[in-house]
Protein backbone atom coordinates (compact mmCIF):
# COMPACT_ATOMS: atom_id res chain seq x y z
CA MET A 1 144.49 159.53 120.33
CA ASN A 2 144.54 155.87 119.43
CA GLY A 3 145.09 155.07 115.77
CA TRP A 4 146.08 152.23 113.50
CA THR A 5 149.73 152.53 114.57
CA SER A 6 148.90 152.50 118.30
CA PRO A 7 149.38 149.29 120.30
CA GLU A 8 145.61 148.81 120.18
CA GLY A 9 145.55 149.35 116.42
CA ILE A 10 148.46 146.98 115.79
CA LEU A 11 146.81 144.27 117.90
CA TYR A 12 143.47 144.73 116.13
CA ILE A 13 145.10 144.47 112.69
CA LYS A 14 147.01 141.33 113.62
CA GLU A 15 144.07 139.57 115.25
CA THR A 16 141.76 140.41 112.34
CA LEU A 17 144.23 139.36 109.64
CA CYS A 18 144.86 136.10 111.47
CA THR A 19 141.21 135.22 110.90
CA LEU A 20 141.33 136.20 107.23
CA LEU A 21 144.62 134.77 105.95
CA PRO A 22 145.29 131.11 105.10
CA TRP A 23 148.78 131.42 106.59
CA PRO A 24 149.73 128.92 109.31
CA ASN A 25 152.05 131.35 111.08
CA SER A 26 149.89 134.50 110.72
CA PRO A 27 151.35 137.77 109.38
CA HIS A 28 154.78 138.83 110.60
CA ASN A 29 154.88 141.75 113.03
CA TRP A 30 156.70 143.89 110.48
CA GLN A 31 153.94 143.20 107.93
CA VAL A 32 151.34 144.28 110.47
CA ASN A 33 153.31 147.44 111.26
CA SER A 34 153.60 148.25 107.57
CA THR A 35 149.86 147.71 107.10
CA ALA A 36 149.19 150.09 109.99
CA ASN A 37 151.37 152.74 108.34
CA ILE A 38 149.41 152.42 105.11
CA LEU A 39 146.11 152.79 106.95
CA GLU A 40 147.47 155.89 108.68
CA GLU A 41 148.55 157.17 105.23
CA ASN A 42 152.24 157.26 106.16
CA ASN A 43 154.88 157.12 103.46
CA GLN A 44 157.30 154.28 104.08
CA LEU A 45 160.39 152.48 102.90
CA VAL A 46 160.34 148.70 103.34
CA ILE A 47 163.64 146.85 102.92
CA VAL A 48 163.15 143.09 103.17
CA ALA A 49 164.85 140.14 101.50
CA CYS A 50 163.23 138.14 98.70
CA GLY A 51 160.89 135.43 99.91
CA GLU A 52 160.15 137.14 103.23
CA GLY A 53 156.67 138.38 102.30
CA LYS A 54 157.44 141.87 101.04
CA THR A 55 154.75 141.83 98.35
CA ALA A 56 152.06 141.16 100.96
CA VAL A 57 152.37 144.62 102.47
CA ALA A 58 150.97 146.02 99.23
CA TYR A 59 147.66 144.20 99.66
CA LEU A 60 147.11 143.20 103.32
CA HIS A 61 145.43 146.53 104.06
CA HIS A 62 143.06 145.86 101.15
CA ILE A 63 142.06 142.47 102.56
CA LEU A 64 141.50 144.04 105.97
CA ILE A 65 139.48 147.00 104.70
CA SER A 66 137.37 144.83 102.40
CA HIS A 67 136.43 142.74 105.44
CA LEU A 68 135.74 145.70 107.73
CA SER A 69 133.66 147.51 105.10
CA LYS A 70 131.01 144.80 105.47
CA LYS A 71 130.54 145.65 109.15
CA PRO A 72 128.59 148.56 110.66
CA LEU A 73 131.00 151.40 111.46
CA ARG A 74 129.66 151.61 115.02
CA SER A 75 130.81 148.03 115.64
CA LEU A 76 134.44 148.87 114.82
CA PRO A 77 137.08 150.32 117.19
CA PRO A 78 136.97 154.11 117.67
CA PHE A 79 140.20 154.66 115.71
CA VAL A 80 138.43 153.35 112.58
CA ARG A 81 137.06 156.72 111.55
CA SER A 82 135.80 155.70 108.12
CA ILE A 83 135.93 152.75 105.75
CA ARG A 84 135.92 152.76 101.96
CA SER A 85 134.37 149.67 100.44
CA THR A 86 136.44 150.01 97.26
CA THR A 87 140.08 151.06 96.97
CA VAL A 88 142.81 150.85 94.36
CA VAL A 89 146.53 150.16 94.71
CA LEU A 90 148.84 151.29 91.92
CA MET A 91 152.12 149.35 91.81
CA ILE A 92 155.11 150.14 89.63
CA THR A 93 157.33 147.18 88.81
CA PRO A 94 160.47 147.06 86.65
CA LEU A 95 160.14 143.57 85.19
CA ILE A 96 157.21 141.70 83.66
CA ASP A 97 158.30 138.44 85.30
CA VAL A 98 158.20 140.10 88.73
CA GLY A 99 154.74 141.47 87.98
CA LEU A 100 153.48 138.05 86.89
CA CYS A 101 154.66 136.50 90.17
CA GLN A 102 152.87 139.22 92.10
CA VAL A 103 149.69 138.69 90.11
CA GLU A 104 149.84 134.99 90.93
CA GLU A 105 150.33 135.62 94.65
CA MET A 106 147.58 138.21 94.95
CA SER A 107 145.14 136.15 92.89
CA ARG A 108 145.62 133.25 95.31
CA MET A 109 144.65 135.63 98.11
CA GLY A 110 141.43 136.61 96.34
CA VAL A 111 142.65 140.07 95.32
CA ARG A 112 141.47 141.39 91.94
CA VAL A 113 144.81 142.24 90.35
CA VAL A 114 145.84 143.02 86.80
CA LEU A 115 149.23 143.40 85.16
CA LEU A 116 148.70 146.12 82.60
CA ASP A 117 151.18 145.33 79.82
CA LYS A 118 150.91 145.07 76.04
CA GLU A 119 150.10 141.37 76.16
CA THR A 120 147.25 141.57 78.69
CA VAL A 121 145.75 144.64 77.02
CA ARG A 122 145.84 142.89 73.62
CA GLU A 123 144.37 139.63 74.98
CA ALA A 124 141.56 141.55 76.69
CA HIS A 125 140.83 143.46 73.47
CA GLN A 126 140.54 140.18 71.58
CA LYS A 127 137.91 139.10 74.09
CA GLY A 128 135.99 142.35 73.64
CA LYS A 129 137.19 143.87 76.90
CA ASN A 130 138.82 147.25 77.49
CA LEU A 131 141.27 146.80 80.37
CA LEU A 132 142.18 150.48 80.51
CA LYS A 133 138.53 151.41 80.89
CA GLU A 134 138.08 148.79 83.61
CA VAL A 135 141.05 150.23 85.48
CA GLU A 136 139.61 153.71 85.16
CA GLN A 137 136.29 152.48 86.56
CA GLY A 138 137.94 150.86 89.58
CA LYS A 139 137.12 147.28 88.63
CA TRP A 140 140.60 146.11 89.64
CA SER A 141 141.88 146.42 93.21
CA VAL A 142 145.59 146.30 92.33
CA ILE A 143 147.02 147.61 89.07
CA ILE A 144 150.61 146.68 88.22
CA VAL A 145 152.32 148.74 85.52
CA SER A 146 155.78 149.48 84.18
CA PRO A 147 157.33 152.96 84.49
CA GLU A 148 156.92 153.36 80.72
CA ARG A 149 153.17 152.76 80.84
CA LEU A 150 152.86 154.93 83.93
CA ASN A 151 154.10 157.89 81.88
CA SER A 152 151.99 157.16 78.79
CA PRO A 153 149.19 159.49 77.64
CA GLU A 154 146.63 156.68 78.01
CA PHE A 155 147.52 156.20 81.66
CA GLU A 156 147.57 159.92 82.30
CA ARG A 157 143.88 160.00 81.31
CA ILE A 158 143.20 157.30 83.91
CA VAL A 159 145.08 159.20 86.61
CA GLN A 160 143.10 162.36 85.90
CA ASN A 161 139.77 160.54 86.10
CA GLU A 162 137.96 161.80 89.21
CA TRP A 163 136.51 158.40 90.14
CA PHE A 164 139.91 156.71 89.89
CA ARG A 165 141.46 159.47 92.03
CA LYS A 166 138.85 158.92 94.72
CA LEU A 167 139.56 155.19 94.79
CA LEU A 168 143.36 155.41 94.80
CA ALA A 169 144.65 154.45 98.25
CA LEU A 170 148.32 153.53 97.78
CA TYR A 171 151.20 154.13 95.34
CA VAL A 172 153.77 151.33 95.43
CA ILE A 173 157.25 151.39 93.92
CA ASN A 174 158.54 147.83 93.77
CA GLU A 175 162.25 146.94 93.48
CA ALA A 176 163.00 150.52 94.43
CA HIS A 177 166.76 149.90 94.53
CA VAL A 178 166.90 149.84 90.72
CA VAL A 179 165.07 153.14 90.17
CA LEU A 180 168.00 155.55 90.22
CA PRO A 181 170.66 153.28 88.63
CA TRP A 182 168.36 152.29 85.77
CA ALA A 183 167.19 155.88 85.28
CA ALA A 184 170.81 156.98 84.90
CA ASP A 185 171.89 154.11 82.64
CA PHE A 186 169.16 153.26 80.16
CA CYS A 187 165.57 153.85 81.29
CA GLU A 188 164.51 157.48 81.36
CA ALA A 189 161.00 156.52 82.52
CA TYR A 190 162.39 155.49 85.90
CA GLY A 191 163.52 159.04 86.44
CA GLN A 192 159.89 160.15 86.15
CA ILE A 193 158.53 157.91 88.92
CA ASN A 194 158.83 160.67 91.51
CA HIS A 195 157.00 163.15 89.25
CA PHE A 196 153.95 160.92 89.43
CA ILE A 197 153.67 161.56 93.16
CA VAL A 198 152.65 165.18 92.57
CA ARG A 199 150.03 164.07 90.02
CA ILE A 200 148.05 161.95 92.49
CA PRO A 201 145.81 163.35 95.23
CA VAL A 202 147.51 164.79 98.31
CA GLY A 203 147.62 162.31 101.19
CA ILE A 204 147.98 159.13 99.13
CA PRO A 205 150.78 157.20 100.87
CA VAL A 206 153.82 156.08 98.93
CA LEU A 207 155.32 152.66 99.66
CA ALA A 208 158.82 152.02 98.30
CA MET A 209 159.87 148.37 98.56
CA SER A 210 163.32 146.90 98.05
CA ARG A 211 165.23 143.73 98.86
CA THR A 212 168.43 145.65 99.51
CA LEU A 213 169.51 149.26 99.90
CA GLY A 214 172.82 150.60 101.18
CA SER A 215 173.06 153.75 103.27
CA GLU A 216 174.10 156.01 100.39
CA ALA A 217 171.51 154.53 98.02
CA LYS A 218 168.83 154.90 100.69
CA THR A 219 169.66 158.59 101.14
CA SER A 220 169.53 159.19 97.38
CA LEU A 221 166.25 157.30 96.98
CA THR A 222 164.43 159.04 99.83
CA LYS A 223 165.57 162.41 98.49
CA PHE A 224 164.39 161.42 94.99
CA LEU A 225 160.94 160.47 96.37
CA GLY A 226 160.65 163.61 98.50
CA PHE A 227 160.77 161.67 101.77
CA CYS A 228 162.03 164.16 104.36
CA ASP A 229 163.24 163.15 107.81
CA GLY A 230 160.31 162.63 110.12
CA THR A 231 157.79 162.32 107.29
CA TYR A 232 158.15 158.61 106.51
CA GLN A 233 158.58 155.29 108.25
CA THR A 234 161.31 152.72 107.57
CA ILE A 235 160.96 148.98 108.07
CA GLN A 236 164.21 147.13 107.48
CA ARG A 237 165.07 143.51 108.09
CA SER A 238 168.43 141.86 107.68
CA CYS A 239 168.96 140.58 104.14
CA GLU A 240 171.64 138.11 105.24
């Protein structure tokens, strides 16, 4: 059966994104393949150097689905079995500066993204807004949080909210190469990132992204995340 990861699906994703993105050279083939994996709900490990467009794989599927949701289902290819008009991506990032750069990039692409840290929550409160409530209600398409906030009681209430669980479409672990070293050295919260996987609905794909990952570190990380052989896809480009 044809699906998103079939040759027909890959071509459809690329041709559609080419009409939606303001990029002169269109999306890279590896970005299209990663997007197809997300749409097929496949777990994956993406290892790509900085500046190569790694962050885009966390939101290209959202841009595509948002576009397709405006069309009648009968007008779409047969492998498009259903379309959700609203989805949420939850991204874990280790550094505020990294999160701010991702917010800037996604905002330029028209994606509603929020970095949920102490500063943004406080600023929103001063303006009479409750960011946590907005996240719970699905008003933001991409939510970027630290491992510490991910494991907080306030975020646990969001994760257990039935509406939020229905909207959640992707769990992203950014800078995945630091997860195990930092968990062992000084940041216990990083060691809890894999526990979160069992707290989200079954079938939500996990995307681990890294700029570098040696063979031994890759084995340790995939074991930590519960990625068994044959149950996830790897996209790796030379970091040289």
